[in-house]
Amino acid sequence: MKVVDWDDVEREPGGDESLLFSDIEGSTRLLQQLGVEGYWVLLERQRWLLREAFGEQAGYEVDCEGDAFFVAFASAGAAIAAAAEAQRALASEFWPDRVRSAGSYAGCAKAGSRRVQACPANA
């Protein structure tokens, strides 16, 4: 797998895009269980795995905060493939609890200044 340098990604989303949102289920509980240092190790691995999966489908990382990602894709198929790969990658790792979760929204996206807003598909 290739490592994606997100600073080199030039394509910003716009027009018809598919949006993917992900986060770790029960992240607050995991933080309490593992402590800050242990959770940070888990978080770094989760981020690496997801960025790999998203990069394989030419995803554009709109935002990442904590354990949550917001990524835009050129098509619903690419978003679904990235979500499936992310789930496979997470499932192949040992985690102290079940680390999973990704959702997607297919429709139109309006982009500007690294901000994306979902809009009705026929807008």
PDB file of N, CA and C in Angstrom:
ATOM      1  N   MET A   1       0.827  -1.185   0.000  1.00  0.00           N
ATOM      2  CA  MET A   1       0.000   0.000   0.000  1.00  0.00           C
ATOM      3  C   MET A   1       0.869   1.246   0.000  1.00  0.00           C
ATOM      4  N   LYS A   2       0.373   2.276  -0.651  1.00  0.00           N
ATOM      5  CA  LYS A   2       1.107   3.535  -0.685  1.00  0.00           C
ATOM      6  C   LYS A   2       0.687   4.427   0.469  1.00  0.00           C
ATOM      7  N   VAL A   3       1.594   5.252   0.906  1.00  0.00           N
ATOM      8  CA  VAL A   3       1.290   6.242   1.931  1.00  0.00           C
ATOM      9  C   VAL A   3       0.942   7.538   1.209  1.00  0.00           C
ATOM     10  N   VAL A   4      -0.183   8.135   1.546  1.00  0.00           N
ATOM     11  CA  VAL A   4      -0.643   9.350   0.891  1.00  0.00           C
ATOM     12  C   VAL A   4      -0.158  10.566   1.666  1.00  0.00           C
ATOM     13  N   ASP A   5       0.461  11.498   0.962  1.00  0.00           N
ATOM     14  CA  ASP A   5       0.816  12.776   1.566  1.00  0.00           C
ATOM     15  C   ASP A   5      -0.309  13.741   1.232  1.00  0.00           C
ATOM     16  N   TRP A   6      -1.145  14.005   2.202  1.00  0.00           N
ATOM     17  CA  TRP A   6      -2.351  14.790   1.956  1.00  0.00           C
ATOM     18  C   TRP A   6      -2.048  16.229   1.578  1.00  0.00           C
ATOM     19  N   ASP A   7      -0.853  16.730   1.863  1.00  0.00           N
ATOM     20  CA  ASP A   7      -0.493  18.079   1.439  1.00  0.00           C
ATOM     21  C   ASP A   7      -0.304  18.156  -0.077  1.00  0.00           C
ATOM     22  N   ASP A   8      -0.064  17.008  -0.724  1.00  0.00           N
ATOM     23  CA  ASP A   8       0.136  16.980  -2.167  1.00  0.00           C
ATOM     24  C   ASP A   8      -1.161  16.804  -2.953  1.00  0.00           C
ATOM     25  N   VAL A   9      -2.262  16.564  -2.276  1.00  0.00           N
ATOM     26  CA  VAL A   9      -3.539  16.377  -2.971  1.00  0.00           C
ATOM     27  C   VAL A   9      -4.041  17.745  -3.410  1.00  0.00           C
ATOM     28  N   GLU A  10      -4.242  17.898  -4.718  1.00  0.00           N
ATOM     29  CA  GLU A  10      -4.624  19.200  -5.256  1.00  0.00           C
ATOM     30  C   GLU A  10      -6.108  19.300  -5.566  1.00  0.00           C
ATOM     31  N   ARG A  11      -6.773  18.208  -5.812  1.00  0.00           N
ATOM     32  CA  ARG A  11      -8.169  18.261  -6.220  1.00  0.00           C
ATOM     33  C   ARG A  11      -9.060  18.517  -5.024  1.00  0.00           C
ATOM     34  N   GLU A  12      -9.753  19.628  -5.023  1.00  0.00           N
ATOM     35  CA  GLU A  12     -10.756  19.879  -3.996  1.00  0.00           C
ATOM     36  C   GLU A  12     -12.094  19.391  -4.516  1.00  0.00           C
ATOM     37  N   PRO A  13     -12.952  18.926  -3.629  1.00  0.00           N
ATOM     38  CA  PRO A  13     -14.245  18.440  -4.081  1.00  0.00           C
ATOM     39  C   PRO A  13     -15.119  19.563  -4.602  1.00  0.00           C
ATOM     40  N   GLY A  14     -16.057  19.199  -5.436  1.00  0.00           N
ATOM     41  CA  GLY A  14     -17.024  20.145  -5.981  1.00  0.00           C
ATOM     42  C   GLY A  14     -17.882  19.428  -7.004  1.00  0.00           C
ATOM     43  N   GLY A  15     -19.112  19.877  -7.200  1.00  0.00           N
ATOM     44  CA  GLY A  15     -20.018  19.196  -8.119  1.00  0.00           C
ATOM     45  C   GLY A  15     -20.603  17.967  -7.453  1.00  0.00           C
ATOM     46  N   ASP A  16     -20.834  16.929  -8.229  1.00  0.00           N
ATOM     47  CA  ASP A  16     -21.382  15.696  -7.666  1.00  0.00           C
ATOM     48  C   ASP A  16     -20.267  14.922  -6.987  1.00  0.00           C
ATOM     49  N   GLU A  17     -20.381  14.778  -5.707  1.00  0.00           N
ATOM     50  CA  GLU A  17     -19.389  14.073  -4.902  1.00  0.00           C
ATOM     51  C   GLU A  17     -20.117  13.097  -3.989  1.00  0.00           C
ATOM     52  N   SER A  18     -19.383  12.171  -3.477  1.00  0.00           N
ATOM     53  CA  SER A  18     -19.885  11.295  -2.427  1.00  0.00           C
ATOM     54  C   SER A  18     -19.038  11.556  -1.194  1.00  0.00           C
ATOM     55  N   LEU A  19     -19.711  11.764  -0.093  1.00  0.00           N
ATOM     56  CA  LEU A  19     -19.045  12.153   1.138  1.00  0.00           C
ATOM     57  C   LEU A  19     -19.040  11.004   2.122  1.00  0.00           C
ATOM     58  N   LEU A  20     -17.915  10.792   2.782  1.00  0.00           N
ATOM     59  CA  LEU A  20     -17.774   9.725   3.758  1.00  0.00           C
ATOM     60  C   LEU A  20     -17.371  10.345   5.090  1.00  0.00           C
ATOM     61  N   PHE A  21     -18.072   9.941   6.123  1.00  0.00           N
ATOM     62  CA  PHE A  21     -17.763  10.371   7.484  1.00  0.00           C
ATOM     63  C   PHE A  21     -17.439   9.120   8.284  1.00  0.00           C
ATOM     64  N   SER A  22     -16.424   9.173   9.100  1.00  0.00           N
ATOM     65  CA  SER A  22     -16.096   8.004   9.921  1.00  0.00           C
ATOM     66  C   SER A  22     -15.661   8.457  11.301  1.00  0.00           C
ATOM     67  N   ASP A  23     -15.852   7.587  12.261  1.00  0.00           N
ATOM     68  CA  ASP A  23     -15.306   7.803  13.595  1.00  0.00           C
ATOM     69  C   ASP A  23     -15.248   6.467  14.308  1.00  0.00           C
ATOM     70  N   ILE A  24     -14.576   6.447  15.439  1.00  0.00           N
ATOM     71  CA  ILE A  24     -14.448   5.220  16.224  1.00  0.00           C
ATOM     72  C   ILE A  24     -15.637   5.126  17.166  1.00  0.00           C
ATOM     73  N   GLU A  25     -16.338   4.010  17.089  1.00  0.00           N
ATOM     74  CA  GLU A  25     -17.438   3.778  18.037  1.00  0.00           C
ATOM     75  C   GLU A  25     -16.875   3.645  19.442  1.00  0.00           C
ATOM     76  N   GLY A  26     -17.483   4.339  20.385  1.00  0.00           N
ATOM     77  CA  GLY A  26     -17.063   4.221  21.780  1.00  0.00           C
ATOM     78  C   GLY A  26     -15.696   4.807  22.059  1.00  0.00           C
ATOM     79  N   SER A  27     -15.323   5.859  21.318  1.00  0.00           N
ATOM     80  CA  SER A  27     -13.977   6.408  21.487  1.00  0.00           C
ATOM     81  C   SER A  27     -13.739   6.977  22.886  1.00  0.00           C
ATOM     82  N   THR A  28     -14.757   7.546  23.478  1.00  0.00           N
ATOM     83  CA  THR A  28     -14.592   8.079  24.832  1.00  0.00           C
ATOM     84  C   THR A  28     -14.298   6.952  25.817  1.00  0.00           C
ATOM     85  N   ARG A  29     -15.007   5.835  25.660  1.00  0.00           N
ATOM     86  CA  ARG A  29     -14.770   4.666  26.511  1.00  0.00           C
ATOM     87  C   ARG A  29     -13.349   4.127  26.300  1.00  0.00           C
ATOM     88  N   LEU A  30     -12.909   4.083  25.036  1.00  0.00           N
ATOM     89  CA  LEU A  30     -11.554   3.616  24.748  1.00  0.00           C
ATOM     90  C   LEU A  30     -10.506   4.531  25.371  1.00  0.00           C
ATOM     91  N   LEU A  31     -10.722   5.824  25.294  1.00  0.00           N
ATOM     92  CA  LEU A  31      -9.794   6.779  25.910  1.00  0.00           C
ATOM     93  C   LEU A  31      -9.699   6.542  27.410  1.00  0.00           C
ATOM     94  N   GLN A  32     -10.831   6.306  28.038  1.00  0.00           N
ATOM     95  CA  GLN A  32     -10.843   6.046  29.480  1.00  0.00           C
ATOM     96  C   GLN A  32     -10.141   4.729  29.798  1.00  0.00           C
ATOM     97  N   GLN A  33     -10.345   3.702  28.964  1.00  0.00           N
ATOM     98  CA  GLN A  33      -9.726   2.395  29.184  1.00  0.00           C
ATOM     99  C   GLN A  33      -8.213   2.443  28.992  1.00  0.00           C
ATOM    100  N   LEU A  34      -7.770   3.115  27.932  1.00  0.00           N
ATOM    101  CA  LEU A  34      -6.375   3.064  27.528  1.00  0.00           C
ATOM    102  C   LEU A  34      -5.515   4.182  28.102  1.00  0.00           C
ATOM    103  N   GLY A  35      -6.141   5.254  28.514  1.00  0.00           N
ATOM    104  CA  GLY A  35      -5.385   6.437  28.910  1.00  0.00           C
ATOM    105  C   GLY A  35      -4.950   7.193  27.671  1.00  0.00           C
ATOM    106  N   VAL A  36      -4.456   8.393  27.872  1.00  0.00           N
ATOM    107  CA  VAL A  36      -4.120   9.271  26.752  1.00  0.00           C
ATOM    108  C   VAL A  36      -3.040   8.652  25.856  1.00  0.00           C
ATOM    109  N   GLU A  37      -1.967   8.147  26.454  1.00  0.00           N
ATOM    110  CA  GLU A  37      -0.869   7.599  25.661  1.00  0.00           C
ATOM    111  C   GLU A  37      -1.297   6.382  24.852  1.00  0.00           C
ATOM    112  N   GLY A  38      -2.002   5.458  25.483  1.00  0.00           N
ATOM    113  CA  GLY A  38      -2.471   4.262  24.783  1.00  0.00           C
ATOM    114  C   GLY A  38      -3.464   4.592  23.683  1.00  0.00           C
ATOM    115  N   TYR A  39      -4.338   5.550  23.953  1.00  0.00           N
ATOM    116  CA  TYR A  39      -5.332   5.951  22.952  1.00  0.00           C
ATOM    117  C   TYR A  39      -4.643   6.625  21.773  1.00  0.00           C
ATOM    118  N   TRP A  40      -3.596   7.421  22.040  1.00  0.00           N
ATOM    119  CA  TRP A  40      -2.883   8.095  20.973  1.00  0.00           C
ATOM    120  C   TRP A  40      -2.259   7.085  20.012  1.00  0.00           C
ATOM    121  N   VAL A  41      -1.701   5.987  20.548  1.00  0.00           N
ATOM    122  CA  VAL A  41      -1.123   4.941  19.706  1.00  0.00           C
ATOM    123  C   VAL A  41      -2.212   4.329  18.822  1.00  0.00           C
ATOM    124  N   LEU A  42      -3.355   4.022  19.411  1.00  0.00           N
ATOM    125  CA  LEU A  42      -4.485   3.463  18.660  1.00  0.00           C
ATOM    126  C   LEU A  42      -4.945   4.451  17.589  1.00  0.00           C
ATOM    127  N   LEU A  43      -5.068   5.713  17.947  1.00  0.00           N
ATOM    128  CA  LEU A  43      -5.553   6.738  17.033  1.00  0.00           C
ATOM    129  C   LEU A  43      -4.614   6.907  15.840  1.00  0.00           C
ATOM    130  N   GLU A  44      -3.317   6.913  16.088  1.00  0.00           N
ATOM    131  CA  GLU A  44      -2.355   7.049  14.987  1.00  0.00           C
ATOM    132  C   GLU A  44      -2.469   5.870  14.022  1.00  0.00           C
ATOM    133  N   ARG A  45      -2.633   4.658  14.540  1.00  0.00           N
ATOM    134  CA  ARG A  45      -2.773   3.481  13.671  1.00  0.00           C
ATOM    135  C   ARG A  45      -4.080   3.551  12.887  1.00  0.00           C
ATOM    136  N   GLN A  46      -5.168   3.938  13.541  1.00  0.00           N
ATOM    137  CA  GLN A  46      -6.459   4.064  12.859  1.00  0.00           C
ATOM    138  C   GLN A  46      -6.371   5.092  11.733  1.00  0.00           C
ATOM    139  N   ARG A  47      -5.758   6.218  12.002  1.00  0.00           N
ATOM    140  CA  ARG A  47      -5.630   7.263  10.984  1.00  0.00           C
ATOM    141  C   ARG A  47      -4.813   6.771   9.792  1.00  0.00           C
ATOM    142  N   TRP A  48      -3.719   6.080  10.057  1.00  0.00           N
ATOM    143  CA  TRP A  48      -2.882   5.576   8.972  1.00  0.00           C
ATOM    144  C   TRP A  48      -3.664   4.596   8.103  1.00  0.00           C
ATOM    145  N   LEU A  49      -4.351   3.646   8.751  1.00  0.00           N
ATOM    146  CA  LEU A  49      -5.121   2.649   8.001  1.00  0.00           C
ATOM    147  C   LEU A  49      -6.215   3.302   7.155  1.00  0.00           C
ATOM    148  N   LEU A  50      -6.936   4.248   7.734  1.00  0.00           N
ATOM    149  CA  LEU A  50      -8.016   4.886   6.983  1.00  0.00           C
ATOM    150  C   LEU A  50      -7.474   5.752   5.850  1.00  0.00           C
ATOM    151  N   ARG A  51      -6.410   6.478   6.094  1.00  0.00           N
ATOM    152  CA  ARG A  51      -5.840   7.294   5.014  1.00  0.00           C
ATOM    153  C   ARG A  51      -5.360   6.425   3.855  1.00  0.00           C
ATOM    154  N   GLU A  52      -4.830   5.272   4.162  1.00  0.00           N
ATOM    155  CA  GLU A  52      -4.444   4.329   3.107  1.00  0.00           C
ATOM    156  C   GLU A  52      -5.668   3.910   2.294  1.00  0.00           C
ATOM    157  N   ALA A  53      -6.731   3.519   2.983  1.00  0.00           N
ATOM    158  CA  ALA A  53      -7.959   3.082   2.297  1.00  0.00           C
ATOM    159  C   ALA A  53      -8.561   4.213   1.475  1.00  0.00           C
ATOM    160  N   PHE A  54      -8.614   5.401   2.035  1.00  0.00           N
ATOM    161  CA  PHE A  54      -9.188   6.537   1.322  1.00  0.00           C
ATOM    162  C   PHE A  54      -8.324   6.914   0.119  1.00  0.00           C
ATOM    163  N   GLY A  55      -7.019   6.851   0.284  1.00  0.00           N
ATOM    164  CA  GLY A  55      -6.099   7.183  -0.801  1.00  0.00           C
ATOM    165  C   GLY A  55      -6.191   6.229  -1.970  1.00  0.00           C
ATOM    166  N   GLU A  56      -6.462   4.959  -1.698  1.00  0.00           N
ATOM    167  CA  GLU A  56      -6.611   3.967  -2.764  1.00  0.00           C
ATOM    168  C   GLU A  56      -7.747   4.339  -3.716  1.00  0.00           C
ATOM    169  N   GLN A  57      -8.719   5.080  -3.232  1.00  0.00           N
ATOM    170  CA  GLN A  57      -9.869   5.480  -4.045  1.00  0.00           C
ATOM    171  C   GLN A  57      -9.836   6.971  -4.383  1.00  0.00           C
ATOM    172  N   ALA A  58      -8.658   7.581  -4.273  1.00  0.00           N
ATOM    173  CA  ALA A  58      -8.466   9.002  -4.593  1.00  0.00           C
ATOM    174  C   ALA A  58      -9.389   9.901  -3.776  1.00  0.00           C
ATOM    175  N   GLY A  59      -9.551   9.563  -2.503  1.00  0.00           N
ATOM    176  CA  GLY A  59     -10.364  10.390  -1.628  1.00  0.00           C
ATOM    177  C   GLY A  59      -9.663  11.692  -1.288  1.00  0.00           C
ATOM    178  N   TYR A  60     -10.449  12.727  -1.080  1.00  0.00           N
ATOM    179  CA  TYR A  60      -9.939  14.042  -0.688  1.00  0.00           C
ATOM    180  C   TYR A  60     -10.316  14.257   0.774  1.00  0.00           C
ATOM    181  N   GLU A  61      -9.326  14.339   1.629  1.00  0.00           N
ATOM    182  CA  GLU A  61      -9.574  14.518   3.061  1.00  0.00           C
ATOM    183  C   GLU A  61      -9.959  15.971   3.319  1.00  0.00           C
ATOM    184  N   VAL A  62     -11.230  16.194   3.558  1.00  0.00           N
ATOM    185  CA  VAL A  62     -11.729  17.528   3.823  1.00  0.00           C
ATOM    186  C   VAL A  62     -11.353  17.945   5.235  1.00  0.00           C
ATOM    187  N   ASP A  63     -11.490  17.003   6.183  1.00  0.00           N
ATOM    188  CA  ASP A  63     -11.193  17.324   7.572  1.00  0.00           C
ATOM    189  C   ASP A  63     -10.913  16.046   8.342  1.00  0.00           C
ATOM    190  N   CYS A  64     -10.114  16.184   9.376  1.00  0.00           N
ATOM    191  CA  CYS A  64      -9.861  15.101  10.321  1.00  0.00           C
ATOM    192  C   CYS A  64      -9.724  15.747  11.681  1.00  0.00           C
ATOM    193  N   GLU A  65     -10.551  15.322  12.605  1.00  0.00           N
ATOM    194  CA  GLU A  65     -10.496  15.857  13.956  1.00  0.00           C
ATOM    195  C   GLU A  65     -10.674  14.703  14.933  1.00  0.00           C
ATOM    196  N   GLY A  66      -9.681  14.535  15.788  1.00  0.00           N
ATOM    197  CA  GLY A  66      -9.742  13.411  16.722  1.00  0.00           C
ATOM    198  C   GLY A  66      -9.759  12.114  15.947  1.00  0.00           C
ATOM    199  N   ASP A  67     -10.775  11.305  16.192  1.00  0.00           N
ATOM    200  CA  ASP A  67     -10.897  10.019  15.498  1.00  0.00           C
ATOM    201  C   ASP A  67     -11.817  10.100  14.282  1.00  0.00           C
ATOM    202  N   ALA A  68     -12.321  11.280  13.954  1.00  0.00           N
ATOM    203  CA  ALA A  68     -13.302  11.435  12.882  1.00  0.00           C
ATOM    204  C   ALA A  68     -12.669  11.949  11.593  1.00  0.00           C
ATOM    205  N   PHE A  69     -13.113  11.387  10.478  1.00  0.00           N
ATOM    206  CA  PHE A  69     -12.705  11.827   9.153  1.00  0.00           C
ATOM    207  C   PHE A  69     -13.915  12.306   8.372  1.00  0.00           C
ATOM    208  N   PHE A  70     -13.686  13.267   7.492  1.00  0.00           N
ATOM    209  CA  PHE A  70     -14.650  13.741   6.508  1.00  0.00           C
ATOM    210  C   PHE A  70     -13.893  13.721   5.191  1.00  0.00           C
ATOM    211  N   VAL A  71     -14.307  12.832   4.260  1.00  0.00           N
ATOM    212  CA  VAL A  71     -13.581  12.617   3.021  1.00  0.00           C
ATOM    213  C   VAL A  71     -14.551  12.670   1.849  1.00  0.00           C
ATOM    214  N   ALA A  72     -14.152  13.317   0.755  1.00  0.00           N
ATOM    215  CA  ALA A  72     -14.969  13.406  -0.456  1.00  0.00           C
ATOM    216  C   ALA A  72     -14.374  12.506  -1.533  1.00  0.00           C
ATOM    217  N   PHE A  73     -15.253  11.890  -2.304  1.00  0.00           N
ATOM    218  CA  PHE A  73     -14.864  10.998  -3.396  1.00  0.00           C
ATOM    219  C   PHE A  73     -15.599  11.410  -4.667  1.00  0.00           C
ATOM    220  N   ALA A  74     -15.032  11.070  -5.797  1.00  0.00           N
ATOM    221  CA  ALA A  74     -15.627  11.425  -7.080  1.00  0.00           C
ATOM    222  C   ALA A  74     -16.906  10.654  -7.382  1.00  0.00           C
ATOM    223  N   SER A  75     -17.103   9.523  -6.718  1.00  0.00           N
ATOM    224  CA  SER A  75     -18.304   8.716  -6.984  1.00  0.00           C
ATOM    225  C   SER A  75     -18.721   7.950  -5.734  1.00  0.00           C
ATOM    226  N   ALA A  76     -19.977   7.521  -5.735  1.00  0.00           N
ATOM    227  CA  ALA A  76     -20.476   6.707  -4.626  1.00  0.00           C
ATOM    228  C   ALA A  76     -19.727   5.383  -4.564  1.00  0.00           C
ATOM    229  N   GLY A  77     -19.412   4.818  -5.730  1.00  0.00           N
ATOM    230  CA  GLY A  77     -18.682   3.554  -5.761  1.00  0.00           C
ATOM    231  C   GLY A  77     -17.318   3.668  -5.099  1.00  0.00           C
ATOM    232  N   ALA A  78     -16.641   4.790  -5.336  1.00  0.00           N
ATOM    233  CA  ALA A  78     -15.328   4.997  -4.721  1.00  0.00           C
ATOM    234  C   ALA A  78     -15.459   5.142  -3.208  1.00  0.00           C
ATOM    235  N   ALA A  79     -16.492   5.862  -2.757  1.00  0.00           N
ATOM    236  CA  ALA A  79     -16.710   6.032  -1.308  1.00  0.00           C
ATOM    237  C   ALA A  79     -17.020   4.700  -0.650  1.00  0.00           C
ATOM    238  N   ILE A  80     -17.849   3.891  -1.294  1.00  0.00           N
ATOM    239  CA  ILE A  80     -18.213   2.585  -0.744  1.00  0.00           C
ATOM    240  C   ILE A  80     -16.998   1.662  -0.721  1.00  0.00           C
ATOM    241  N   ALA A  81     -16.226   1.667  -1.803  1.00  0.00           N
ATOM    242  CA  ALA A  81     -15.024   0.830  -1.847  1.00  0.00           C
ATOM    243  C   ALA A  81     -14.039   1.248  -0.753  1.00  0.00           C
ATOM    244  N   ALA A  82     -13.892   2.549  -0.536  1.00  0.00           N
ATOM    245  CA  ALA A  82     -12.982   3.038   0.510  1.00  0.00           C
ATOM    246  C   ALA A  82     -13.490   2.636   1.889  1.00  0.00           C
ATOM    247  N   ALA A  83     -14.796   2.759   2.116  1.00  0.00           N
ATOM    248  CA  ALA A  83     -15.366   2.368   3.409  1.00  0.00           C
ATOM    249  C   ALA A  83     -15.174   0.874   3.653  1.00  0.00           C
ATOM    250  N   ALA A  84     -15.387   0.064   2.617  1.00  0.00           N
ATOM    251  CA  ALA A  84     -15.213  -1.386   2.756  1.00  0.00           C
ATOM    252  C   ALA A  84     -13.755  -1.730   3.048  1.00  0.00           C
ATOM    253  N   GLU A  85     -12.838  -1.087   2.337  1.00  0.00           N
ATOM    254  CA  GLU A  85     -11.416  -1.335   2.583  1.00  0.00           C
ATOM    255  C   GLU A  85     -11.012  -0.880   3.976  1.00  0.00           C
ATOM    256  N   ALA A  86     -11.543   0.250   4.406  1.00  0.00           N
ATOM    257  CA  ALA A  86     -11.249   0.731   5.757  1.00  0.00           C
ATOM    258  C   ALA A  86     -11.724  -0.277   6.793  1.00  0.00           C
ATOM    259  N   GLN A  87     -12.919  -0.827   6.606  1.00  0.00           N
ATOM    260  CA  GLN A  87     -13.447  -1.822   7.545  1.00  0.00           C
ATOM    261  C   GLN A  87     -12.579  -3.081   7.544  1.00  0.00           C
ATOM    262  N   ARG A  88     -12.154  -3.520   6.348  1.00  0.00           N
ATOM    263  CA  ARG A  88     -11.278  -4.704   6.271  1.00  0.00           C
ATOM    264  C   ARG A  88      -9.957  -4.440   6.992  1.00  0.00           C
ATOM    265  N   ALA A  89      -9.393  -3.261   6.755  1.00  0.00           N
ATOM    266  CA  ALA A  89      -8.110  -2.924   7.387  1.00  0.00           C
ATOM    267  C   ALA A  89      -8.249  -2.881   8.903  1.00  0.00           C
ATOM    268  N   LEU A  90      -9.312  -2.265   9.388  1.00  0.00           N
ATOM    269  CA  LEU A  90      -9.533  -2.208  10.838  1.00  0.00           C
ATOM    270  C   LEU A  90      -9.767  -3.601  11.415  1.00  0.00           C
ATOM    271  N   ALA A  91     -10.500  -4.438  10.686  1.00  0.00           N
ATOM    272  CA  ALA A  91     -10.805  -5.786  11.166  1.00  0.00           C
ATOM    273  C   ALA A  91      -9.568  -6.678  11.223  1.00  0.00           C
ATOM    274  N   SER A  92      -8.548  -6.348  10.426  1.00  0.00           N
ATOM    275  CA  SER A  92      -7.341  -7.188  10.396  1.00  0.00           C
ATOM    276  C   SER A  92      -6.380  -6.871  11.543  1.00  0.00           C
ATOM    277  N   GLU A  93      -6.678  -5.851  12.312  1.00  0.00           N
ATOM    278  CA  GLU A  93      -5.821  -5.422  13.412  1.00  0.00           C
ATOM    279  C   GLU A  93      -6.378  -5.925  14.748  1.00  0.00           C
ATOM    280  N   PHE A  94      -5.485  -6.016  15.735  1.00  0.00           N
ATOM    281  CA  PHE A  94      -5.935  -6.314  17.092  1.00  0.00           C
ATOM    282  C   PHE A  94      -6.244  -4.995  17.780  1.00  0.00           C
ATOM    283  N   TRP A  95      -7.432  -4.882  18.321  1.00  0.00           N
ATOM    284  CA  TRP A  95      -7.852  -3.676  19.040  1.00  0.00           C
ATOM    285  C   TRP A  95      -8.363  -4.073  20.416  1.00  0.00           C
ATOM    286  N   PRO A  96      -8.248  -3.200  21.393  1.00  0.00           N
ATOM    287  CA  PRO A  96      -8.746  -3.525  22.728  1.00  0.00           C
ATOM    288  C   PRO A  96     -10.266  -3.606  22.772  1.00  0.00           C
ATOM    289  N   ASP A  97     -10.924  -3.044  21.793  1.00  0.00           N
ATOM    290  CA  ASP A  97     -12.373  -3.083  21.682  1.00  0.00           C
ATOM    291  C   ASP A  97     -12.658  -2.978  20.192  1.00  0.00           C
ATOM    292  N   ARG A  98     -13.879  -3.122  19.817  1.00  0.00           N
ATOM    293  CA  ARG A  98     -14.215  -3.093  18.399  1.00  0.00           C
ATOM    294  C   ARG A  98     -14.070  -1.670  17.851  1.00  0.00           C
ATOM    295  N   VAL A  99     -13.107  -1.474  16.972  1.00  0.00           N
ATOM    296  CA  VAL A  99     -12.853  -0.174  16.357  1.00  0.00           C
ATOM    297  C   VAL A  99     -13.397  -0.250  14.933  1.00  0.00           C
ATOM    298  N   ARG A 100     -14.496   0.430  14.693  1.00  0.00           N
ATOM    299  CA  ARG A 100     -15.103   0.414  13.366  1.00  0.00           C
ATOM    300  C   ARG A 100     -16.080   1.572  13.255  1.00  0.00           C
ATOM    301  N   SER A 101     -16.527   1.829  12.075  1.00  0.00           N
ATOM    302  CA  SER A 101     -17.606   2.757  11.789  1.00  0.00           C
ATOM    303  C   SER A 101     -17.260   3.647  10.616  1.00  0.00           C
ATOM    304  N   ALA A 102     -18.114   3.658   9.644  1.00  0.00           N
ATOM    305  CA  ALA A 102     -17.998   4.572   8.508  1.00  0.00           C
ATOM    306  C   ALA A 102     -19.374   4.729   7.904  1.00  0.00           C
ATOM    307  N   GLY A 103     -19.712   5.928   7.560  1.00  0.00           N
ATOM    308  CA  GLY A 103     -20.989   6.195   6.909  1.00  0.00           C
ATOM    309  C   GLY A 103     -20.737   7.046   5.686  1.00  0.00           C
ATOM    310  N   SER A 104     -21.650   7.026   4.738  1.00  0.00           N
ATOM    311  CA  SER A 104     -21.445   7.849   3.560  1.00  0.00           C
ATOM    312  C   SER A 104     -22.741   8.508   3.133  1.00  0.00           C
ATOM    313  N   TYR A 105     -22.599   9.607   2.426  1.00  0.00           N
ATOM    314  CA  TYR A 105     -23.705  10.372   1.873  1.00  0.00           C
ATOM    315  C   TYR A 105     -23.362  10.616   0.422  1.00  0.00           C
ATOM    316  N   ALA A 106     -24.218  10.225  -0.487  1.00  0.00           N
ATOM    317  CA  ALA A 106     -23.959  10.476  -1.904  1.00  0.00           C
ATOM    318  C   ALA A 106     -24.851  11.611  -2.363  1.00  0.00           C
ATOM    319  N   GLY A 107     -24.274  12.570  -3.022  1.00  0.00           N
ATOM    320  CA  GLY A 107     -25.042  13.702  -3.520  1.00  0.00           C
ATOM    321  C   GLY A 107     -24.122  14.782  -4.008  1.00  0.00           C
ATOM    322  N   CYS A 108     -24.604  15.976  -4.027  1.00  0.00           N
ATOM    323  CA  CYS A 108     -23.860  17.117  -4.517  1.00  0.00           C
ATOM    324  C   CYS A 108     -23.085  17.736  -3.365  1.00  0.00           C
ATOM    325  N   ALA A 109     -21.924  18.255  -3.685  1.00  0.00           N
ATOM    326  CA  ALA A 109     -21.126  18.963  -2.677  1.00  0.00           C
ATOM    327  C   ALA A 109     -20.681  20.286  -3.259  1.00  0.00           C
ATOM    328  N   LYS A 110     -20.760  21.315  -2.468  1.00  0.00           N
ATOM    329  CA  LYS A 110     -20.260  22.629  -2.871  1.00  0.00           C
ATOM    330  C   LYS A 110     -18.994  22.898  -2.082  1.00  0.00           C
ATOM    331  N   ALA A 111     -17.941  23.226  -2.782  1.00  0.00           N
ATOM    332  CA  ALA A 111     -16.653  23.406  -2.128  1.00  0.00           C
ATOM    333  C   ALA A 111     -16.197  24.853  -2.192  1.00  0.00           C
ATOM    334  N   GLY A 112     -15.440  25.233  -1.193  1.00  0.00           N
ATOM    335  CA  GLY A 112     -14.827  26.549  -1.164  1.00  0.00           C
ATOM    336  C   GLY A 112     -14.010  26.698   0.095  1.00  0.00           C
ATOM    337  N   SER A 113     -12.781  27.107  -0.041  1.00  0.00           N
ATOM    338  CA  SER A 113     -11.891  27.315   1.102  1.00  0.00           C
ATOM    339  C   SER A 113     -11.821  26.092   2.014  1.00  0.00           C
ATOM    340  N   ARG A 114     -11.658  24.921   1.407  1.00  0.00           N
ATOM    341  CA  ARG A 114     -11.556  23.644   2.129  1.00  0.00           C
ATOM    342  C   ARG A 114     -12.789  23.350   2.967  1.00  0.00           C
ATOM    343  N   ARG A 115     -13.907  23.978   2.652  1.00  0.00           N
ATOM    344  CA  ARG A 115     -15.169  23.684   3.337  1.00  0.00           C
ATOM    345  C   ARG A 115     -16.110  23.086   2.311  1.00  0.00           C
ATOM    346  N   VAL A 116     -16.788  22.045   2.677  1.00  0.00           N
ATOM    347  CA  VAL A 116     -17.717  21.379   1.776  1.00  0.00           C
ATOM    348  C   VAL A 116     -19.076  21.332   2.442  1.00  0.00           C
ATOM    349  N   GLN A 117     -20.104  21.667   1.699  1.00  0.00           N
ATOM    350  CA  GLN A 117     -21.457  21.581   2.210  1.00  0.00           C
ATOM    351  C   GLN A 117     -22.242  20.626   1.317  1.00  0.00           C
ATOM    352  N   ALA A 118     -22.988  19.743   1.912  1.00  0.00           N
ATOM    353  CA  ALA A 118     -23.851  18.856   1.159  1.00  0.00           C
ATOM    354  C   ALA A 118     -25.063  19.651   0.699  1.00  0.00           C
ATOM    355  N   CYS A 119     -25.545  19.339  -0.483  1.00  0.00           N
ATOM    356  CA  CYS A 119     -26.739  19.998  -1.004  1.00  0.00           C
ATOM    357  C   CYS A 119     -27.586  18.947  -1.689  1.00  0.00           C
ATOM    358  N   PRO A 120     -28.856  19.234  -1.954  1.00  0.00           N
ATOM    359  CA  PRO A 120     -29.701  18.257  -2.663  1.00  0.00           C
ATOM    360  C   PRO A 120     -29.084  17.876  -3.998  1.00  0.00           C
ATOM    361  N   ALA A 121     -29.239  16.626  -4.388  1.00  0.00           N
ATOM    362  CA  ALA A 121     -28.616  16.125  -5.605  1.00  0.00           C
ATOM    363  C   ALA A 121     -29.080  16.873  -6.852  1.00  0.00           C
ATOM    364  N   ASN A 122     -30.263  17.440  -6.840  1.00  0.00           N
ATOM    365  CA  ASN A 122     -30.748  18.136  -8.035  1.00  0.00           C
ATOM    366  C   ASN A 122     -30.555  19.640  -7.975  1.00  0.00           C
ATOM    367  N   ALA A 123     -29.739  20.127  -7.030  1.00  0.00           N
ATOM    368  CA  ALA A 123     -29.512  21.577  -6.885  1.00  0.00           C
ATOM    369  C   ALA A 123     -28.531  22.081  -7.925  1.00  0.00           C
TER     370      ALA A 123
END
